[in-house]
């Protein structure tokens, strides 16, 4: 039988929220914000990492500052043979540097691409490549806000 993991508590969620806002802060600074000792805070963070709740730390890059201001969501509908569609769309995604994420979905579409393009021509080339094989629907992103994990 699989081991049941203890649910996260409010303090765990506070740690996650604070680390998502600033993953470079020291554990001492984090400890002060959550009113725990540095040792107890370190133990909590290590436990979250060991459980796979925290899977890594990364730099968050503003796409407009690196010349990728045109953001879009492209819904792809394969119609049939979703397994082959996933393989083909992954090859297309690997070929286009504008593709940031590909989500396999249930519902109106089979996959959704999140794209950060340099210009309309780059976006259009990707849509054309996908459109050779699938029905696509593109929505331009005008604003993106990311929320922290919550209980």
N, C-alpha and C. Protein backbone atom coordinates (compact mmCIF):
# COMPACT_ATOMS: atom_id res chain seq x y z
N UNK A 1 0.84 -1.17 0.00
CA UNK A 1 0.00 0.00 0.00
C UNK A 1 0.89 1.24 0.00
N UNK A 2 0.53 2.24 -0.80
CA UNK A 2 1.31 3.48 -0.88
C UNK A 2 1.20 4.26 0.42
N UNK A 3 2.30 4.86 0.79
CA UNK A 3 2.33 5.65 2.01
C UNK A 3 1.56 6.95 1.81
N UNK A 4 0.67 7.26 2.72
CA UNK A 4 -0.12 8.48 2.66
C UNK A 4 0.70 9.63 3.22
N UNK A 5 0.92 10.66 2.43
CA UNK A 5 1.67 11.82 2.89
C UNK A 5 0.78 12.74 3.69
N UNK A 6 1.34 13.32 4.73
CA UNK A 6 0.59 14.28 5.54
C UNK A 6 0.25 15.49 4.68
N UNK A 7 -0.94 16.03 4.84
CA UNK A 7 -1.31 17.20 4.04
C UNK A 7 -0.45 18.41 4.45
N UNK A 8 -0.33 19.36 3.55
CA UNK A 8 0.39 20.58 3.85
C UNK A 8 -0.42 21.41 4.83
N UNK A 9 0.27 22.10 5.72
CA UNK A 9 -0.43 22.98 6.66
C UNK A 9 -0.26 24.44 6.23
N UNK A 10 -0.86 25.35 6.98
CA UNK A 10 -0.81 26.77 6.62
C UNK A 10 0.62 27.30 6.55
N UNK A 11 1.48 26.81 7.44
CA UNK A 11 2.88 27.25 7.43
C UNK A 11 3.59 26.80 6.16
N UNK A 12 3.31 25.58 5.72
CA UNK A 12 3.88 25.10 4.46
C UNK A 12 3.43 26.00 3.30
N UNK A 13 2.15 26.35 3.28
CA UNK A 13 1.65 27.22 2.20
C UNK A 13 2.26 28.61 2.29
N UNK A 14 2.51 29.11 3.49
CA UNK A 14 3.19 30.40 3.64
C UNK A 14 4.60 30.32 3.05
N UNK A 15 5.31 29.24 3.35
CA UNK A 15 6.65 29.05 2.81
C UNK A 15 6.60 29.00 1.29
N UNK A 16 5.68 28.25 0.74
CA UNK A 16 5.57 28.15 -0.72
C UNK A 16 5.27 29.51 -1.35
N UNK A 17 4.35 30.25 -0.76
CA UNK A 17 3.98 31.57 -1.28
C UNK A 17 5.20 32.50 -1.28
N UNK A 18 5.92 32.52 -0.18
CA UNK A 18 7.08 33.40 -0.05
C UNK A 18 8.22 32.99 -1.00
N UNK A 19 8.44 31.69 -1.14
CA UNK A 19 9.49 31.24 -2.06
C UNK A 19 9.10 31.47 -3.52
N UNK A 20 7.81 31.36 -3.84
CA UNK A 20 7.39 31.65 -5.20
C UNK A 20 7.56 33.13 -5.52
N UNK A 21 7.40 33.99 -4.53
CA UNK A 21 7.58 35.42 -4.73
C UNK A 21 9.07 35.78 -4.85
N UNK A 22 9.92 35.06 -4.09
CA UNK A 22 11.36 35.33 -4.11
C UNK A 22 12.11 34.07 -3.71
N UNK A 23 12.46 33.27 -4.69
CA UNK A 23 13.16 32.02 -4.43
C UNK A 23 14.62 32.19 -4.04
N UNK A 24 15.14 33.42 -4.14
CA UNK A 24 16.55 33.67 -3.81
C UNK A 24 16.74 34.14 -2.38
N UNK A 25 15.66 34.38 -1.67
CA UNK A 25 15.83 34.88 -0.31
C UNK A 25 16.50 33.82 0.56
N UNK A 26 17.22 34.29 1.54
CA UNK A 26 17.91 33.36 2.43
C UNK A 26 16.90 32.66 3.33
N UNK A 27 17.30 31.50 3.82
CA UNK A 27 16.43 30.79 4.75
C UNK A 27 16.27 31.58 6.04
N UNK A 28 17.27 32.35 6.41
CA UNK A 28 17.17 33.21 7.60
C UNK A 28 16.08 34.28 7.40
N UNK A 29 16.08 34.91 6.22
CA UNK A 29 15.05 35.92 5.93
C UNK A 29 13.66 35.27 5.88
N UNK A 30 13.59 34.10 5.27
CA UNK A 30 12.32 33.37 5.22
C UNK A 30 11.84 33.04 6.63
N UNK A 31 12.76 32.60 7.49
CA UNK A 31 12.42 32.26 8.87
C UNK A 31 11.83 33.45 9.61
N UNK A 32 12.41 34.63 9.40
CA UNK A 32 11.89 35.84 10.05
C UNK A 32 10.47 36.15 9.59
N UNK A 33 10.20 35.95 8.31
CA UNK A 33 8.88 36.27 7.76
C UNK A 33 7.79 35.33 8.28
N UNK A 34 8.16 34.08 8.58
CA UNK A 34 7.15 33.13 9.05
C UNK A 34 7.23 32.90 10.55
N UNK A 35 8.14 33.63 11.19
CA UNK A 35 8.28 33.58 12.66
C UNK A 35 8.62 32.19 13.17
N UNK A 36 9.62 31.57 12.51
CA UNK A 36 10.17 30.29 12.94
C UNK A 36 11.69 30.44 13.06
N UNK A 37 12.31 29.53 13.74
CA UNK A 37 13.77 29.55 13.82
C UNK A 37 14.34 29.17 12.45
N UNK A 38 15.56 29.63 12.16
CA UNK A 38 16.18 29.22 10.89
C UNK A 38 16.29 27.69 10.76
N UNK A 39 16.58 26.99 11.84
CA UNK A 39 16.69 25.53 11.78
C UNK A 39 15.35 24.88 11.43
N UNK A 40 14.29 25.34 12.08
CA UNK A 40 12.96 24.78 11.80
C UNK A 40 12.51 25.12 10.38
N UNK A 41 12.84 26.32 9.92
CA UNK A 41 12.49 26.73 8.55
C UNK A 41 13.25 25.87 7.55
N UNK A 42 14.54 25.67 7.80
CA UNK A 42 15.34 24.82 6.91
C UNK A 42 14.77 23.41 6.85
N UNK A 43 14.38 22.88 7.99
CA UNK A 43 13.79 21.53 8.03
C UNK A 43 12.50 21.49 7.22
N UNK A 44 11.68 22.53 7.34
CA UNK A 44 10.42 22.58 6.57
C UNK A 44 10.69 22.63 5.07
N UNK A 45 11.60 23.50 4.66
CA UNK A 45 11.92 23.63 3.24
C UNK A 45 12.50 22.33 2.71
N UNK A 46 13.41 21.73 3.46
CA UNK A 46 13.99 20.44 3.04
C UNK A 46 12.92 19.36 2.91
N UNK A 47 11.97 19.34 3.83
CA UNK A 47 10.88 18.35 3.76
C UNK A 47 10.02 18.58 2.52
N UNK A 48 9.76 19.85 2.19
CA UNK A 48 8.97 20.15 0.99
C UNK A 48 9.73 19.73 -0.27
N UNK A 49 11.04 19.90 -0.26
CA UNK A 49 11.86 19.46 -1.40
C UNK A 49 11.88 17.93 -1.48
N UNK A 50 12.09 17.27 -0.33
CA UNK A 50 12.15 15.81 -0.31
C UNK A 50 10.85 15.16 -0.76
N UNK A 51 9.72 15.78 -0.43
CA UNK A 51 8.41 15.25 -0.83
C UNK A 51 8.10 15.52 -2.30
N UNK A 52 8.90 16.36 -2.95
CA UNK A 52 8.64 16.70 -4.34
C UNK A 52 7.65 17.83 -4.50
N UNK A 53 7.31 18.50 -3.41
CA UNK A 53 6.41 19.66 -3.51
C UNK A 53 7.17 20.81 -4.18
N UNK A 54 8.37 21.09 -3.69
CA UNK A 54 9.26 22.06 -4.35
C UNK A 54 10.17 21.24 -5.25
N UNK A 55 10.07 21.49 -6.55
CA UNK A 55 10.82 20.69 -7.52
C UNK A 55 12.04 21.41 -8.07
N UNK A 56 12.21 22.68 -7.74
CA UNK A 56 13.37 23.42 -8.22
C UNK A 56 13.19 24.91 -8.03
N UNK A 57 14.23 25.64 -8.38
CA UNK A 57 14.23 27.09 -8.30
C UNK A 57 14.69 27.60 -9.65
N UNK A 58 14.12 28.71 -10.09
CA UNK A 58 14.46 29.20 -11.42
C UNK A 58 14.34 30.71 -11.49
N UNK A 59 14.99 31.28 -12.49
CA UNK A 59 14.84 32.70 -12.77
C UNK A 59 13.56 32.89 -13.57
N UNK A 60 12.79 33.89 -13.23
CA UNK A 60 11.60 34.23 -14.00
C UNK A 60 11.99 35.37 -14.93
N UNK A 61 11.86 35.14 -16.23
CA UNK A 61 12.32 36.09 -17.24
C UNK A 61 11.13 36.82 -17.84
N UNK A 62 11.24 38.13 -17.94
CA UNK A 62 10.21 38.94 -18.60
C UNK A 62 10.39 38.79 -20.11
N UNK A 63 9.43 38.15 -20.81
CA UNK A 63 9.61 37.89 -22.24
C UNK A 63 9.79 39.17 -23.06
N UNK A 64 9.20 40.27 -22.64
CA UNK A 64 9.35 41.52 -23.40
C UNK A 64 10.79 42.03 -23.35
N UNK A 65 11.50 41.73 -22.27
CA UNK A 65 12.88 42.20 -22.12
C UNK A 65 13.86 41.38 -22.96
N UNK A 66 13.43 40.24 -23.47
CA UNK A 66 14.29 39.43 -24.34
C UNK A 66 13.73 39.36 -25.76
N UNK A 67 12.90 40.36 -26.09
CA UNK A 67 12.40 40.47 -27.46
C UNK A 67 11.27 39.55 -27.82
N UNK A 68 10.54 39.02 -26.84
CA UNK A 68 9.44 38.10 -27.13
C UNK A 68 8.15 38.65 -26.52
N UNK A 69 7.72 39.78 -27.05
CA UNK A 69 6.56 40.48 -26.48
C UNK A 69 5.23 39.96 -27.00
N UNK A 70 5.23 39.21 -28.09
CA UNK A 70 3.98 38.72 -28.67
C UNK A 70 3.66 37.35 -28.07
N UNK A 71 2.67 37.33 -27.17
CA UNK A 71 2.31 36.10 -26.48
C UNK A 71 0.95 35.61 -26.97
N UNK A 72 0.82 34.30 -27.09
CA UNK A 72 -0.42 33.72 -27.60
C UNK A 72 -0.64 32.33 -27.03
N UNK A 73 -1.90 31.92 -27.07
CA UNK A 73 -2.30 30.54 -26.78
C UNK A 73 -2.84 29.97 -28.08
N UNK A 74 -2.32 28.84 -28.48
CA UNK A 74 -2.78 28.19 -29.71
C UNK A 74 -3.41 26.86 -29.31
N UNK A 75 -4.71 26.75 -29.56
CA UNK A 75 -5.40 25.48 -29.30
C UNK A 75 -5.31 24.64 -30.56
N UNK A 76 -4.95 23.37 -30.35
CA UNK A 76 -4.77 22.44 -31.46
C UNK A 76 -5.77 21.30 -31.29
N UNK A 77 -6.52 21.03 -32.36
CA UNK A 77 -7.47 19.92 -32.35
C UNK A 77 -7.06 18.94 -33.44
N UNK A 78 -6.69 17.73 -33.01
CA UNK A 78 -6.19 16.72 -33.94
C UNK A 78 -7.33 15.94 -34.59
N UNK A 79 -8.42 15.75 -33.87
CA UNK A 79 -9.54 15.00 -34.43
C UNK A 79 -9.42 13.52 -34.21
N UNK A 80 -8.32 12.90 -34.68
CA UNK A 80 -8.14 11.47 -34.53
C UNK A 80 -6.72 11.17 -34.09
N UNK A 81 -6.50 9.97 -33.63
CA UNK A 81 -5.20 9.45 -33.23
C UNK A 81 -4.37 10.46 -32.43
N UNK A 82 -4.80 10.70 -31.23
CA UNK A 82 -4.17 11.69 -30.37
C UNK A 82 -2.72 11.35 -30.08
N UNK A 83 -2.36 10.07 -29.97
CA UNK A 83 -0.98 9.69 -29.67
C UNK A 83 -0.04 10.17 -30.76
N UNK A 84 -0.40 9.94 -32.02
CA UNK A 84 0.44 10.42 -33.13
C UNK A 84 0.44 11.94 -33.17
N UNK A 85 -0.67 12.56 -32.84
CA UNK A 85 -0.75 14.02 -32.82
C UNK A 85 0.21 14.60 -31.79
N UNK A 86 0.27 13.97 -30.63
CA UNK A 86 1.17 14.44 -29.57
C UNK A 86 2.62 14.36 -30.06
N UNK A 87 2.99 13.25 -30.69
CA UNK A 87 4.35 13.09 -31.19
C UNK A 87 4.68 14.13 -32.25
N UNK A 88 3.76 14.35 -33.19
CA UNK A 88 4.01 15.31 -34.26
C UNK A 88 4.05 16.73 -33.72
N UNK A 89 3.12 17.08 -32.84
CA UNK A 89 3.14 18.45 -32.31
C UNK A 89 4.39 18.67 -31.45
N UNK A 90 4.90 17.64 -30.80
CA UNK A 90 6.14 17.82 -30.02
C UNK A 90 7.31 18.10 -30.95
N UNK A 91 7.34 17.43 -32.10
CA UNK A 91 8.40 17.72 -33.08
C UNK A 91 8.28 19.16 -33.59
N UNK A 92 7.06 19.60 -33.85
CA UNK A 92 6.85 20.98 -34.29
C UNK A 92 7.27 21.95 -33.19
N UNK A 93 6.88 21.66 -31.95
CA UNK A 93 7.24 22.53 -30.82
C UNK A 93 8.76 22.61 -30.67
N UNK A 94 9.46 21.49 -30.83
CA UNK A 94 10.91 21.47 -30.70
C UNK A 94 11.58 22.32 -31.78
N UNK A 95 10.92 22.46 -32.91
CA UNK A 95 11.47 23.21 -34.05
C UNK A 95 11.28 24.72 -33.91
N UNK A 96 10.30 25.15 -33.14
CA UNK A 96 9.96 26.57 -33.04
C UNK A 96 10.41 27.14 -31.68
N UNK A 97 11.33 28.09 -31.68
CA UNK A 97 11.83 28.65 -30.42
C UNK A 97 10.79 29.47 -29.65
N UNK A 98 9.70 29.85 -30.29
CA UNK A 98 8.68 30.64 -29.59
C UNK A 98 7.85 29.81 -28.61
N UNK A 99 7.84 28.50 -28.79
CA UNK A 99 7.01 27.64 -27.94
C UNK A 99 7.62 27.54 -26.54
N UNK A 100 6.85 27.93 -25.53
CA UNK A 100 7.31 27.86 -24.14
C UNK A 100 6.73 26.65 -23.41
N UNK A 101 5.46 26.32 -23.68
CA UNK A 101 4.79 25.20 -23.00
C UNK A 101 3.80 24.57 -23.95
N UNK A 102 3.63 23.26 -23.78
CA UNK A 102 2.58 22.53 -24.50
C UNK A 102 1.81 21.73 -23.46
N UNK A 103 0.51 21.95 -23.45
CA UNK A 103 -0.37 21.26 -22.51
C UNK A 103 -1.23 20.27 -23.28
N UNK A 104 -1.28 19.04 -22.84
CA UNK A 104 -2.21 18.06 -23.41
C UNK A 104 -3.51 18.21 -22.63
N UNK A 105 -4.61 18.39 -23.32
CA UNK A 105 -5.87 18.75 -22.67
C UNK A 105 -7.01 17.83 -23.06
N UNK A 106 -8.05 17.87 -22.27
CA UNK A 106 -9.33 17.24 -22.58
C UNK A 106 -10.32 18.36 -22.80
N UNK A 107 -11.27 18.14 -23.70
CA UNK A 107 -12.26 19.18 -23.95
C UNK A 107 -12.29 19.57 -25.42
N UNK A 108 -12.44 20.86 -25.68
CA UNK A 108 -12.57 21.35 -27.05
C UNK A 108 -11.32 21.15 -27.90
N UNK A 109 -10.16 21.08 -27.26
CA UNK A 109 -8.92 20.91 -28.01
C UNK A 109 -8.09 19.80 -27.37
N UNK A 110 -7.15 19.29 -28.16
CA UNK A 110 -6.29 18.20 -27.69
C UNK A 110 -5.03 18.71 -27.00
N UNK A 111 -4.55 19.85 -27.48
CA UNK A 111 -3.34 20.45 -26.90
C UNK A 111 -3.47 21.96 -26.95
N UNK A 112 -2.76 22.62 -26.03
CA UNK A 112 -2.69 24.07 -26.02
C UNK A 112 -1.23 24.46 -25.93
N UNK A 113 -0.81 25.30 -26.85
CA UNK A 113 0.55 25.82 -26.87
C UNK A 113 0.54 27.21 -26.23
N UNK A 114 1.50 27.46 -25.34
CA UNK A 114 1.73 28.83 -24.87
C UNK A 114 2.98 29.29 -25.60
N UNK A 115 2.87 30.43 -26.29
CA UNK A 115 3.90 30.89 -27.20
C UNK A 115 4.32 32.32 -26.84
N UNK A 116 5.62 32.56 -26.90
CA UNK A 116 6.17 33.91 -26.78
C UNK A 116 6.99 34.16 -28.05
N UNK A 117 6.43 34.93 -28.98
CA UNK A 117 7.07 35.15 -30.28
C UNK A 117 7.71 36.53 -30.34
N UNK A 118 8.68 36.63 -31.24
CA UNK A 118 9.35 37.92 -31.44
C UNK A 118 8.48 38.86 -32.26
N UNK A 119 7.70 38.30 -33.17
CA UNK A 119 6.88 39.13 -34.05
C UNK A 119 5.78 38.27 -34.67
N UNK A 120 4.93 38.91 -35.43
CA UNK A 120 3.80 38.23 -36.06
C UNK A 120 4.26 37.15 -37.04
N UNK A 121 5.37 37.39 -37.72
CA UNK A 121 5.87 36.41 -38.69
C UNK A 121 6.26 35.10 -38.00
N UNK A 122 6.92 35.21 -36.86
CA UNK A 122 7.31 34.00 -36.13
C UNK A 122 6.08 33.24 -35.64
N UNK A 123 5.11 33.97 -35.11
CA UNK A 123 3.86 33.34 -34.66
C UNK A 123 3.14 32.71 -35.84
N UNK A 124 3.05 33.41 -36.94
CA UNK A 124 2.36 32.91 -38.13
C UNK A 124 3.02 31.65 -38.67
N UNK A 125 4.34 31.57 -38.63
CA UNK A 125 5.04 30.37 -39.11
C UNK A 125 4.67 29.15 -38.27
N UNK A 126 4.57 29.34 -36.97
CA UNK A 126 4.17 28.24 -36.08
C UNK A 126 2.74 27.81 -36.36
N UNK A 127 1.84 28.78 -36.46
CA UNK A 127 0.43 28.46 -36.74
C UNK A 127 0.31 27.76 -38.08
N UNK A 128 1.07 28.21 -39.08
CA UNK A 128 1.05 27.54 -40.40
C UNK A 128 1.52 26.10 -40.29
N UNK A 129 2.61 25.86 -39.55
CA UNK A 129 3.11 24.49 -39.39
C UNK A 129 2.08 23.60 -38.72
N UNK A 130 1.47 24.09 -37.66
CA UNK A 130 0.43 23.31 -36.98
C UNK A 130 -0.80 23.14 -37.87
N UNK A 131 -1.17 24.18 -38.59
CA UNK A 131 -2.35 24.17 -39.44
C UNK A 131 -2.27 23.21 -40.62
N UNK A 132 -1.07 22.78 -40.97
CA UNK A 132 -0.91 21.78 -42.03
C UNK A 132 -1.53 20.45 -41.64
N UNK A 133 -1.59 20.19 -40.33
CA UNK A 133 -2.04 18.89 -39.84
C UNK A 133 -3.31 18.95 -38.99
N UNK A 134 -3.57 20.10 -38.37
CA UNK A 134 -4.64 20.19 -37.38
C UNK A 134 -5.41 21.47 -37.52
N UNK A 135 -6.60 21.46 -36.90
CA UNK A 135 -7.36 22.70 -36.76
C UNK A 135 -6.73 23.48 -35.60
N UNK A 136 -6.55 24.77 -35.78
CA UNK A 136 -5.96 25.59 -34.72
C UNK A 136 -6.87 26.77 -34.43
N UNK A 137 -6.73 27.30 -33.24
CA UNK A 137 -7.43 28.51 -32.83
C UNK A 137 -6.44 29.29 -31.98
N UNK A 138 -6.15 30.52 -32.38
CA UNK A 138 -5.14 31.32 -31.69
C UNK A 138 -5.79 32.47 -30.94
N UNK A 139 -5.38 32.64 -29.69
CA UNK A 139 -5.83 33.77 -28.88
C UNK A 139 -4.59 34.53 -28.42
N UNK A 140 -4.57 35.82 -28.66
CA UNK A 140 -3.45 36.65 -28.22
C UNK A 140 -3.59 36.91 -26.72
N UNK A 141 -2.49 36.84 -26.01
CA UNK A 141 -2.46 37.11 -24.57
C UNK A 141 -2.17 38.59 -24.39
N UNK A 142 -3.05 39.30 -23.70
CA UNK A 142 -2.84 40.72 -23.45
C UNK A 142 -2.33 40.99 -22.04
N UNK A 143 -2.56 40.04 -21.13
CA UNK A 143 -2.06 40.16 -19.76
C UNK A 143 -1.95 38.78 -19.15
N UNK A 144 -0.93 38.60 -18.33
CA UNK A 144 -0.73 37.31 -17.65
C UNK A 144 -0.38 37.59 -16.20
N UNK A 145 -1.12 37.00 -15.31
CA UNK A 145 -0.82 37.08 -13.87
C UNK A 145 -0.76 35.67 -13.35
N UNK A 146 0.28 35.39 -12.61
CA UNK A 146 0.43 34.06 -12.03
C UNK A 146 0.13 34.13 -10.55
N UNK A 147 -0.63 33.18 -10.06
CA UNK A 147 -1.00 33.13 -8.66
C UNK A 147 -0.13 32.11 -7.92
N UNK A 148 0.09 32.35 -6.65
CA UNK A 148 0.82 31.40 -5.82
C UNK A 148 -0.07 30.20 -5.51
N UNK A 149 0.56 29.10 -5.16
CA UNK A 149 -0.17 27.91 -4.73
C UNK A 149 -0.90 28.25 -3.42
N UNK A 150 -2.13 27.79 -3.32
CA UNK A 150 -2.93 28.07 -2.14
C UNK A 150 -3.55 26.78 -1.62
N UNK A 151 -3.93 26.80 -0.32
CA UNK A 151 -4.60 25.60 0.22
C UNK A 151 -5.97 25.41 -0.39
